[in-house]
Amino acid sequence: MSVSSSVRRVTAVAGVAAAVVGAVALPASADDHRHGRQYRAVVYISDVQYDSPGRDDRSNRSLNGEWVELTNDSRRAVNLGGWTLSDEDGHPYTFDYYRLNGRATVRVHTGIGRDTRSDVYQDRRAYVWDNHSDTATLRNDRDRFVDEASWGHRDHRDDDRRHSGDHREGHRN
């Protein structure tokens, strides 16, 4: 065996080993991009304040004391335009245009207010979220289920709130 064939063989083995390590270490988003699939950001319901603090007197302050937080767990911004957040009775809040930055959270208040980067308002004059049991459901602009958070239901004995969706495994409260 000549030196040049040994060098080629070692180089080939090193190349195969590097390819295997690179494929295993490749992040899912890069792998999706490589295969022509679009990167999917993860937006989920991260917290709910369904019972506003103090007396429920329907004041704007009390209405804004109930809210739902949405978090974007990816590094990329997501346009929430057309997305809906609704309760079990089907009261929807539809985002007109809102860009949720990567690694950011927005709080969706029930009452009236001026939208900012971190807070948006449904501009309602009545409570949406039931204090005893309800489900907040998030759907995208194609009306596809994204996430939900429930509280007070008998089938959720261990946790007073539960979340659905594939991404919730690492985000349980």
N, C-alpha and C. Protein backbone atom coordinates (compact mmCIF):
# COMPACT_ATOMS: atom_id res chain seq x y z
N MET A 1 0.84 -1.16 0.00
CA MET A 1 0.00 0.00 0.00
C MET A 1 0.89 1.23 0.00
N SER A 2 0.63 2.14 -0.88
CA SER A 2 1.45 3.34 -0.98
C SER A 2 0.98 4.38 0.02
N VAL A 3 1.81 5.39 0.26
CA VAL A 3 1.49 6.48 1.18
C VAL A 3 0.29 7.26 0.66
N SER A 4 0.24 7.49 -0.66
CA SER A 4 -0.86 8.29 -1.21
C SER A 4 -2.20 7.58 -1.05
N SER A 5 -2.25 6.24 -1.19
CA SER A 5 -3.53 5.54 -1.01
C SER A 5 -3.92 5.54 0.47
N SER A 6 -2.95 5.46 1.38
CA SER A 6 -3.25 5.53 2.81
C SER A 6 -3.81 6.90 3.17
N VAL A 7 -3.21 7.93 2.61
CA VAL A 7 -3.68 9.30 2.87
C VAL A 7 -5.10 9.46 2.35
N ARG A 8 -5.37 8.94 1.14
CA ARG A 8 -6.73 9.04 0.58
C ARG A 8 -7.73 8.29 1.45
N ARG A 9 -7.34 7.10 1.92
CA ARG A 9 -8.24 6.30 2.76
C ARG A 9 -8.53 7.03 4.08
N VAL A 10 -7.51 7.58 4.75
CA VAL A 10 -7.69 8.31 6.01
C VAL A 10 -8.54 9.55 5.76
N THR A 11 -8.31 10.25 4.66
CA THR A 11 -9.08 11.43 4.32
C THR A 11 -10.54 11.07 4.08
N ALA A 12 -10.78 9.97 3.39
CA ALA A 12 -12.15 9.53 3.13
C ALA A 12 -12.86 9.17 4.43
N VAL A 13 -12.18 8.44 5.32
CA VAL A 13 -12.78 8.06 6.60
C VAL A 13 -13.07 9.31 7.42
N ALA A 14 -12.16 10.26 7.45
CA ALA A 14 -12.37 11.50 8.20
C ALA A 14 -13.56 12.28 7.62
N GLY A 15 -13.67 12.29 6.30
CA GLY A 15 -14.79 12.99 5.66
C GLY A 15 -16.13 12.36 6.01
N VAL A 16 -16.21 11.04 5.99
CA VAL A 16 -17.45 10.35 6.36
C VAL A 16 -17.78 10.61 7.83
N ALA A 17 -16.79 10.56 8.70
CA ALA A 17 -17.02 10.81 10.12
C ALA A 17 -17.52 12.24 10.34
N ALA A 18 -16.95 13.20 9.66
CA ALA A 18 -17.39 14.59 9.79
C ALA A 18 -18.82 14.75 9.29
N ALA A 19 -19.16 14.08 8.22
CA ALA A 19 -20.53 14.16 7.69
C ALA A 19 -21.53 13.58 8.67
N VAL A 20 -21.18 12.45 9.30
CA VAL A 20 -22.08 11.82 10.27
C VAL A 20 -22.26 12.73 11.49
N VAL A 21 -21.17 13.25 12.03
CA VAL A 21 -21.25 14.14 13.18
C VAL A 21 -22.03 15.40 12.82
N GLY A 22 -21.79 15.94 11.66
CA GLY A 22 -22.51 17.15 11.23
C GLY A 22 -24.00 16.91 11.07
N ALA A 23 -24.38 15.76 10.57
CA ALA A 23 -25.81 15.46 10.39
C ALA A 23 -26.49 15.28 11.74
N VAL A 24 -25.81 14.67 12.70
CA VAL A 24 -26.39 14.46 14.02
C VAL A 24 -26.49 15.78 14.76
N ALA A 25 -25.50 16.65 14.64
CA ALA A 25 -25.48 17.90 15.37
C ALA A 25 -26.27 19.01 14.69
N LEU A 26 -26.73 18.81 13.49
CA LEU A 26 -27.44 19.83 12.74
C LEU A 26 -28.76 20.17 13.40
N PRO A 27 -29.02 21.46 13.69
CA PRO A 27 -30.29 21.80 14.31
C PRO A 27 -31.45 21.50 13.38
N ALA A 28 -32.62 21.24 13.97
CA ALA A 28 -33.80 20.89 13.19
C ALA A 28 -34.17 21.98 12.20
N SER A 29 -34.04 23.25 12.59
CA SER A 29 -34.43 24.33 11.68
C SER A 29 -33.52 24.36 10.45
N ALA A 30 -32.22 24.11 10.67
CA ALA A 30 -31.32 24.08 9.52
C ALA A 30 -31.61 22.86 8.66
N ASP A 31 -31.93 21.73 9.30
CA ASP A 31 -32.28 20.54 8.56
C ASP A 31 -33.54 20.78 7.74
N ASP A 32 -34.55 21.43 8.32
CA ASP A 32 -35.78 21.74 7.59
C ASP A 32 -35.47 22.63 6.39
N HIS A 33 -34.62 23.63 6.59
CA HIS A 33 -34.27 24.54 5.50
C HIS A 33 -33.56 23.78 4.38
N ARG A 34 -32.66 22.87 4.76
CA ARG A 34 -31.90 22.11 3.78
C ARG A 34 -32.82 21.26 2.92
N HIS A 35 -33.92 20.77 3.49
CA HIS A 35 -34.83 19.91 2.75
C HIS A 35 -35.97 20.70 2.11
N GLY A 36 -35.87 22.02 2.10
CA GLY A 36 -36.85 22.84 1.41
C GLY A 36 -38.10 23.13 2.22
N ARG A 37 -38.15 22.70 3.49
CA ARG A 37 -39.30 23.02 4.34
C ARG A 37 -39.08 24.36 4.99
N GLN A 38 -40.16 25.10 5.17
CA GLN A 38 -40.06 26.41 5.78
C GLN A 38 -39.89 26.27 7.29
N TYR A 39 -39.10 27.13 7.89
CA TYR A 39 -38.89 27.16 9.32
C TYR A 39 -40.19 27.55 10.01
N ARG A 40 -40.59 26.80 11.04
CA ARG A 40 -41.83 27.10 11.76
C ARG A 40 -41.50 27.63 13.13
N ALA A 41 -41.91 28.85 13.40
CA ALA A 41 -41.71 29.44 14.72
C ALA A 41 -42.72 28.83 15.69
N VAL A 42 -42.42 28.87 16.97
CA VAL A 42 -43.28 28.29 17.99
C VAL A 42 -43.87 29.42 18.83
N VAL A 43 -45.18 29.62 18.68
CA VAL A 43 -45.91 30.57 19.50
C VAL A 43 -46.85 29.76 20.38
N TYR A 44 -46.91 30.07 21.66
CA TYR A 44 -47.75 29.31 22.57
C TYR A 44 -48.31 30.23 23.66
N ILE A 45 -49.34 29.75 24.33
CA ILE A 45 -49.93 30.46 25.46
C ILE A 45 -49.04 30.18 26.66
N SER A 46 -48.38 31.21 27.16
CA SER A 46 -47.40 31.01 28.23
C SER A 46 -47.96 31.29 29.62
N ASP A 47 -49.04 32.08 29.72
CA ASP A 47 -49.61 32.37 31.03
C ASP A 47 -51.01 32.93 30.84
N VAL A 48 -51.86 32.76 31.85
CA VAL A 48 -53.23 33.28 31.82
C VAL A 48 -53.56 33.85 33.19
N GLN A 49 -54.09 35.05 33.22
CA GLN A 49 -54.66 35.63 34.44
C GLN A 49 -56.15 35.75 34.17
N TYR A 50 -56.90 34.70 34.50
CA TYR A 50 -58.32 34.64 34.16
C TYR A 50 -59.21 35.30 35.20
N ASP A 51 -58.70 35.52 36.41
CA ASP A 51 -59.47 36.16 37.47
C ASP A 51 -58.73 37.44 37.85
N SER A 52 -59.23 38.57 37.37
CA SER A 52 -58.52 39.83 37.63
C SER A 52 -58.49 40.10 39.13
N PRO A 53 -57.39 40.66 39.61
CA PRO A 53 -57.25 40.93 41.04
C PRO A 53 -58.33 41.91 41.53
N GLY A 54 -58.77 41.74 42.75
CA GLY A 54 -59.76 42.64 43.33
C GLY A 54 -61.18 42.26 42.95
N ARG A 55 -62.09 43.21 43.13
CA ARG A 55 -63.50 42.99 42.82
C ARG A 55 -63.73 43.02 41.33
N ASP A 56 -64.58 42.13 40.84
CA ASP A 56 -64.98 42.15 39.44
C ASP A 56 -66.09 43.19 39.26
N ASP A 57 -65.69 44.43 38.99
CA ASP A 57 -66.66 45.52 38.91
C ASP A 57 -66.83 46.07 37.48
N ARG A 58 -66.26 45.36 36.52
CA ARG A 58 -66.32 45.73 35.10
C ARG A 58 -65.68 47.07 34.77
N SER A 59 -64.88 47.60 35.69
CA SER A 59 -64.12 48.82 35.36
C SER A 59 -63.05 48.43 34.35
N ASN A 60 -62.58 49.39 33.59
CA ASN A 60 -61.54 49.10 32.60
C ASN A 60 -60.30 48.54 33.28
N ARG A 61 -59.99 49.06 34.46
CA ARG A 61 -58.82 48.56 35.20
C ARG A 61 -59.00 47.09 35.55
N SER A 62 -60.20 46.71 36.01
CA SER A 62 -60.47 45.31 36.34
C SER A 62 -60.47 44.44 35.08
N LEU A 63 -61.06 44.94 34.00
CA LEU A 63 -61.08 44.17 32.74
C LEU A 63 -59.66 43.92 32.24
N ASN A 64 -58.79 44.90 32.37
CA ASN A 64 -57.41 44.73 31.92
C ASN A 64 -56.58 43.90 32.88
N GLY A 65 -57.14 43.59 34.06
CA GLY A 65 -56.49 42.70 35.00
C GLY A 65 -56.59 41.24 34.60
N GLU A 66 -57.46 40.93 33.64
CA GLU A 66 -57.48 39.57 33.08
C GLU A 66 -56.80 39.64 31.73
N TRP A 67 -55.94 38.65 31.47
CA TRP A 67 -55.14 38.66 30.26
C TRP A 67 -54.62 37.26 29.95
N VAL A 68 -54.15 37.13 28.72
CA VAL A 68 -53.49 35.90 28.26
C VAL A 68 -52.16 36.32 27.65
N GLU A 69 -51.10 35.62 28.01
CA GLU A 69 -49.79 35.90 27.43
C GLU A 69 -49.45 34.90 26.35
N LEU A 70 -48.94 35.40 25.24
CA LEU A 70 -48.44 34.57 24.14
C LEU A 70 -46.94 34.79 24.04
N THR A 71 -46.21 33.70 23.88
CA THR A 71 -44.75 33.78 23.77
C THR A 71 -44.29 33.15 22.47
N ASN A 72 -43.34 33.81 21.83
CA ASN A 72 -42.69 33.30 20.63
C ASN A 72 -41.37 32.69 21.10
N ASP A 73 -41.27 31.38 21.04
CA ASP A 73 -40.11 30.66 21.56
C ASP A 73 -38.98 30.52 20.53
N SER A 74 -39.17 31.10 19.36
CA SER A 74 -38.13 30.99 18.33
C SER A 74 -37.32 32.28 18.28
N ARG A 75 -36.34 32.29 17.42
CA ARG A 75 -35.53 33.50 17.24
C ARG A 75 -36.11 34.42 16.17
N ARG A 76 -37.07 33.92 15.41
CA ARG A 76 -37.64 34.72 14.32
C ARG A 76 -38.97 35.34 14.72
N ALA A 77 -39.23 36.54 14.19
CA ALA A 77 -40.50 37.22 14.45
C ALA A 77 -41.63 36.49 13.73
N VAL A 78 -42.84 36.58 14.29
CA VAL A 78 -44.02 35.96 13.71
C VAL A 78 -45.09 37.03 13.55
N ASN A 79 -45.67 37.12 12.36
CA ASN A 79 -46.78 38.03 12.13
C ASN A 79 -48.06 37.35 12.61
N LEU A 80 -48.68 37.90 13.64
CA LEU A 80 -49.89 37.31 14.20
C LEU A 80 -51.16 37.84 13.53
N GLY A 81 -51.00 38.62 12.46
CA GLY A 81 -52.16 39.15 11.75
C GLY A 81 -53.11 38.03 11.34
N GLY A 82 -54.39 38.13 11.73
CA GLY A 82 -55.38 37.12 11.39
C GLY A 82 -55.47 35.99 12.40
N TRP A 83 -54.54 35.89 13.37
CA TRP A 83 -54.60 34.86 14.40
C TRP A 83 -55.74 35.20 15.35
N THR A 84 -56.33 34.18 15.97
CA THR A 84 -57.42 34.42 16.92
C THR A 84 -57.12 33.76 18.27
N LEU A 85 -57.64 34.40 19.29
CA LEU A 85 -57.59 33.91 20.65
C LEU A 85 -59.03 33.91 21.13
N SER A 86 -59.55 32.76 21.55
CA SER A 86 -60.96 32.70 21.93
C SER A 86 -61.17 31.86 23.18
N ASP A 87 -62.33 32.07 23.82
CA ASP A 87 -62.71 31.29 24.99
C ASP A 87 -63.63 30.15 24.58
N GLU A 88 -64.08 29.35 25.54
CA GLU A 88 -64.96 28.20 25.24
C GLU A 88 -66.29 28.63 24.62
N ASP A 89 -66.75 29.84 24.95
CA ASP A 89 -68.01 30.34 24.39
C ASP A 89 -67.85 30.91 22.99
N GLY A 90 -66.63 30.91 22.50
CA GLY A 90 -66.39 31.35 21.12
C GLY A 90 -66.20 32.84 20.94
N HIS A 91 -65.93 33.58 22.04
CA HIS A 91 -65.66 35.02 21.91
C HIS A 91 -64.25 35.19 21.35
N PRO A 92 -64.13 35.59 20.08
CA PRO A 92 -62.79 35.68 19.49
C PRO A 92 -62.17 37.07 19.62
N TYR A 93 -60.87 37.09 19.76
CA TYR A 93 -60.09 38.31 19.57
C TYR A 93 -59.21 38.01 18.37
N THR A 94 -59.28 38.86 17.34
CA THR A 94 -58.47 38.66 16.14
C THR A 94 -57.40 39.74 16.08
N PHE A 95 -56.17 39.31 15.92
CA PHE A 95 -55.06 40.25 15.76
C PHE A 95 -55.16 40.88 14.37
N ASP A 96 -55.21 42.22 14.30
CA ASP A 96 -55.21 42.89 13.00
C ASP A 96 -53.84 42.71 12.37
N TYR A 97 -52.88 43.42 12.87
CA TYR A 97 -51.50 43.23 12.47
C TYR A 97 -50.69 43.37 13.74
N TYR A 98 -49.94 42.37 14.05
CA TYR A 98 -49.05 42.43 15.20
C TYR A 98 -47.88 41.52 14.92
N ARG A 99 -46.69 42.05 15.06
CA ARG A 99 -45.46 41.29 14.84
C ARG A 99 -44.88 40.95 16.21
N LEU A 100 -44.88 39.66 16.54
CA LEU A 100 -44.32 39.20 17.81
C LEU A 100 -42.88 38.81 17.55
N ASN A 101 -41.97 39.60 18.09
CA ASN A 101 -40.54 39.35 17.87
C ASN A 101 -40.12 38.02 18.45
N GLY A 102 -38.98 37.54 18.00
CA GLY A 102 -38.42 36.30 18.52
C GLY A 102 -38.08 36.44 19.99
N ARG A 103 -38.30 35.36 20.73
CA ARG A 103 -38.02 35.32 22.17
C ARG A 103 -38.76 36.44 22.91
N ALA A 104 -39.96 36.78 22.46
CA ALA A 104 -40.75 37.86 23.07
C ALA A 104 -42.11 37.34 23.51
N THR A 105 -42.75 38.11 24.39
CA THR A 105 -44.07 37.79 24.91
C THR A 105 -44.96 39.00 24.77
N VAL A 106 -46.22 38.76 24.44
CA VAL A 106 -47.22 39.83 24.40
C VAL A 106 -48.36 39.44 25.32
N ARG A 107 -48.89 40.42 26.05
CA ARG A 107 -50.01 40.20 26.96
C ARG A 107 -51.27 40.76 26.29
N VAL A 108 -52.29 39.91 26.13
CA VAL A 108 -53.56 40.30 25.50
C VAL A 108 -54.57 40.57 26.61
N HIS A 109 -54.84 41.86 26.85
CA HIS A 109 -55.76 42.29 27.90
C HIS A 109 -57.19 42.31 27.37
N THR A 110 -58.17 42.14 28.26
CA THR A 110 -59.57 42.12 27.86
C THR A 110 -60.11 43.53 27.61
N GLY A 111 -59.75 44.50 28.43
CA GLY A 111 -60.34 45.83 28.38
C GLY A 111 -59.81 46.71 27.25
N ILE A 112 -60.00 48.02 27.44
CA ILE A 112 -59.65 49.03 26.44
C ILE A 112 -58.28 49.59 26.78
N GLY A 113 -57.46 49.81 25.76
CA GLY A 113 -56.14 50.39 25.96
C GLY A 113 -55.46 50.66 24.64
N ARG A 114 -54.27 51.20 24.74
CA ARG A 114 -53.47 51.50 23.55
C ARG A 114 -52.43 50.40 23.37
N ASP A 115 -52.47 49.76 22.21
CA ASP A 115 -51.55 48.64 21.93
C ASP A 115 -50.10 49.11 21.94
N THR A 116 -49.24 48.28 22.52
CA THR A 116 -47.80 48.49 22.51
C THR A 116 -47.14 47.20 22.06
N ARG A 117 -45.83 47.16 22.09
CA ARG A 117 -45.12 45.92 21.72
C ARG A 117 -45.39 44.79 22.70
N SER A 118 -45.59 45.12 23.97
CA SER A 118 -45.74 44.07 24.99
C SER A 118 -47.17 43.88 25.47
N ASP A 119 -48.09 44.77 25.09
CA ASP A 119 -49.48 44.68 25.54
C ASP A 119 -50.43 45.07 24.41
N VAL A 120 -51.44 44.24 24.19
CA VAL A 120 -52.50 44.58 23.23
C VAL A 120 -53.83 44.44 23.96
N TYR A 121 -54.85 45.10 23.43
CA TYR A 121 -56.13 45.19 24.13
C TYR A 121 -57.27 44.75 23.22
N GLN A 122 -58.19 43.96 23.80
CA GLN A 122 -59.34 43.48 23.03
C GLN A 122 -60.42 44.55 22.91
N ASP A 123 -60.33 45.60 23.71
CA ASP A 123 -61.30 46.71 23.70
C ASP A 123 -62.72 46.24 24.01
N ARG A 124 -62.84 45.36 24.99
CA ARG A 124 -64.15 44.85 25.42
C ARG A 124 -64.60 45.57 26.69
N ARG A 125 -65.89 45.57 26.90
CA ARG A 125 -66.48 46.17 28.10
C ARG A 125 -67.07 45.10 29.02
N ALA A 126 -66.75 43.83 28.77
CA ALA A 126 -67.21 42.72 29.60
C ALA A 126 -66.08 41.69 29.69
N TYR A 127 -66.08 40.91 30.76
CA TYR A 127 -65.06 39.88 30.96
C TYR A 127 -65.21 38.78 29.90
N VAL A 128 -64.09 38.17 29.55
CA VAL A 128 -64.10 37.06 28.59
C VAL A 128 -63.85 35.74 29.30
N TRP A 129 -62.86 35.68 30.16
CA TRP A 129 -62.40 34.44 30.74
C TRP A 129 -63.18 34.12 32.01
N ASP A 130 -63.77 32.93 32.06
CA ASP A 130 -64.53 32.48 33.21
C ASP A 130 -63.58 32.18 34.37
N ASN A 131 -63.91 32.67 35.55
CA ASN A 131 -63.03 32.49 36.71
C ASN A 131 -62.98 31.05 37.21
N HIS A 132 -64.00 30.25 36.91
CA HIS A 132 -64.08 28.90 37.46
C HIS A 132 -63.52 27.84 36.51
N SER A 133 -63.87 27.91 35.25
CA SER A 133 -63.31 26.98 34.27
C SER A 133 -63.52 27.55 32.87
N ASP A 134 -62.50 27.42 32.07
CA ASP A 134 -62.56 27.92 30.70
C ASP A 134 -61.34 27.37 29.95
N THR A 135 -61.30 27.64 28.67
CA THR A 135 -60.16 27.27 27.83
C THR A 135 -59.86 28.42 26.89
N ALA A 136 -58.62 28.86 26.88
CA ALA A 136 -58.15 29.86 25.92
C ALA A 136 -57.55 29.09 24.76
N THR A 137 -58.05 29.36 23.54
CA THR A 137 -57.57 28.64 22.36
C THR A 137 -56.95 29.62 21.38
N LEU A 138 -55.75 29.31 20.92
CA LEU A 138 -55.04 30.13 19.95
C LEU A 138 -55.04 29.41 18.61
N ARG A 139 -55.46 30.13 17.56
CA ARG A 139 -55.46 29.59 16.19
C ARG A 139 -54.73 30.55 15.29
N ASN A 140 -54.07 30.00 14.25
CA ASN A 140 -53.33 30.86 13.33
C ASN A 140 -54.26 31.47 12.28
N ASP A 141 -53.68 32.20 11.34
CA ASP A 141 -54.47 32.90 10.32
C ASP A 141 -55.15 31.96 9.33
N ARG A 142 -54.84 30.68 9.39
CA ARG A 142 -55.52 29.67 8.55
C ARG A 142 -56.51 28.86 9.38
N ASP A 143 -56.82 29.36 10.57
CA ASP A 143 -57.75 28.74 11.51
C ASP A 143 -57.26 27.37 11.99
N ARG A 144 -55.96 27.16 11.98
CA ARG A 144 -55.39 25.91 12.48
C ARG A 144 -55.04 26.06 13.95
N PHE A 145 -55.34 25.03 14.72
CA PHE A 145 -55.04 25.01 16.15
C PHE A 145 -53.55 25.22 16.38
N VAL A 146 -53.21 26.11 17.32
CA VAL A 146 -51.82 26.35 17.70
C VAL A 146 -51.57 25.90 19.14
N ASP A 147 -52.42 26.35 20.06
CA ASP A 147 -52.25 25.99 21.47
C ASP A 147 -53.53 26.29 22.23
N GLU A 148 -53.63 25.73 23.43
CA GLU A 148 -54.73 26.07 24.32
C GLU A 148 -54.25 25.94 25.75
N ALA A 149 -54.91 26.69 26.64
CA ALA A 149 -54.67 26.59 28.08
C ALA A 149 -56.03 26.49 28.74
N SER A 150 -56.18 25.51 29.63
CA SER A 150 -57.45 25.28 30.32
C SER A 150 -57.25 25.37 31.82
N TRP A 151 -58.30 25.72 32.53
CA TRP A 151 -58.26 25.76 33.97
C TRP A 151 -59.64 25.38 34.52
N GLY A 152 -59.61 24.79 35.73
CA GLY A 152 -60.82 24.49 36.46
C GLY A 152 -61.63 23.30 36.00
N HIS A 153 -61.18 22.58 35.00
CA HIS A 153 -61.92 21.42 34.51
C HIS A 153 -61.60 20.21 35.37
N ARG A 154 -62.59 19.36 35.61
CA ARG A 154 -62.40 18.20 36.49
C ARG A 154 -61.35 17.22 35.98
N ASP A 155 -61.15 17.14 34.68
CA ASP A 155 -60.18 16.16 34.15
C ASP A 155 -58.74 16.64 34.27
N HIS A 156 -58.52 17.79 34.87
CA HIS A 156 -57.16 18.33 35.04
C HIS A 156 -56.87 18.46 36.52
N ARG A 157 -56.92 17.34 37.27
CA ARG A 157 -56.79 17.34 38.71
C ARG A 157 -55.41 17.77 39.19
N ASP A 158 -54.36 17.39 38.50
CA ASP A 158 -53.00 17.64 38.99
C ASP A 158 -52.53 19.07 38.78
N ASP A 159 -53.08 19.76 37.82
CA ASP A 159 -52.60 21.08 37.44
C ASP A 159 -53.82 21.95 37.21
N ASP A 160 -53.86 23.14 37.78
CA ASP A 160 -55.06 23.95 37.59
C ASP A 160 -55.08 24.56 36.19
N ARG A 161 -53.98 24.44 35.46
CA ARG A 161 -53.95 24.86 34.06
C ARG A 161 -53.26 23.78 33.26
N ARG A 162 -53.70 23.57 32.01
CA ARG A 162 -53.00 22.62 31.16
C ARG A 162 -52.82 23.26 29.79
N HIS A 163 -51.83 22.80 29.10
CA HIS A 163 -51.54 23.28 27.75
C HIS A 163 -51.54 22.11 26.80
N SER A 164 -51.86 22.40 25.56
CA SER A 164 -51.80 21.39 24.51
C SER A 164 -50.78 21.83 23.48
N GLY A 165 -50.52 20.96 22.53
CA GLY A 165 -49.57 21.29 21.45
C GLY A 165 -48.26 20.57 21.68
N ASP A 166 -47.58 20.25 20.59
CA ASP A 166 -46.34 19.48 20.65
C ASP A 166 -45.25 20.20 21.42
N HIS A 167 -45.19 21.52 21.34
CA HIS A 167 -44.12 22.31 21.91
C HIS A 167 -44.23 22.47 23.42
N ARG A 168 -45.31 22.06 24.04
CA ARG A 168 -45.54 22.31 25.45
C ARG A 168 -44.72 21.41 26.37
N GLU A 169 -44.11 20.37 25.88
CA GLU A 169 -43.41 19.42 26.75
C GLU A 169 -42.41 20.12 27.67
N GLY A 170 -41.61 21.03 27.15
CA GLY A 170 -40.61 21.70 27.95
C GLY A 170 -41.10 22.96 28.61
N HIS A 171 -42.38 23.31 28.46
CA HIS A 171 -42.87 24.58 28.96
C HIS A 171 -43.99 24.43 29.97
N ARG A 172 -44.13 23.32 30.60
CA ARG A 172 -45.21 23.13 31.59
C ARG A 172 -45.00 24.06 32.76
N ASN A 173 -46.09 24.64 33.23
CA ASN A 173 -46.04 25.51 34.42
C ASN A 173 -46.42 24.74 35.64
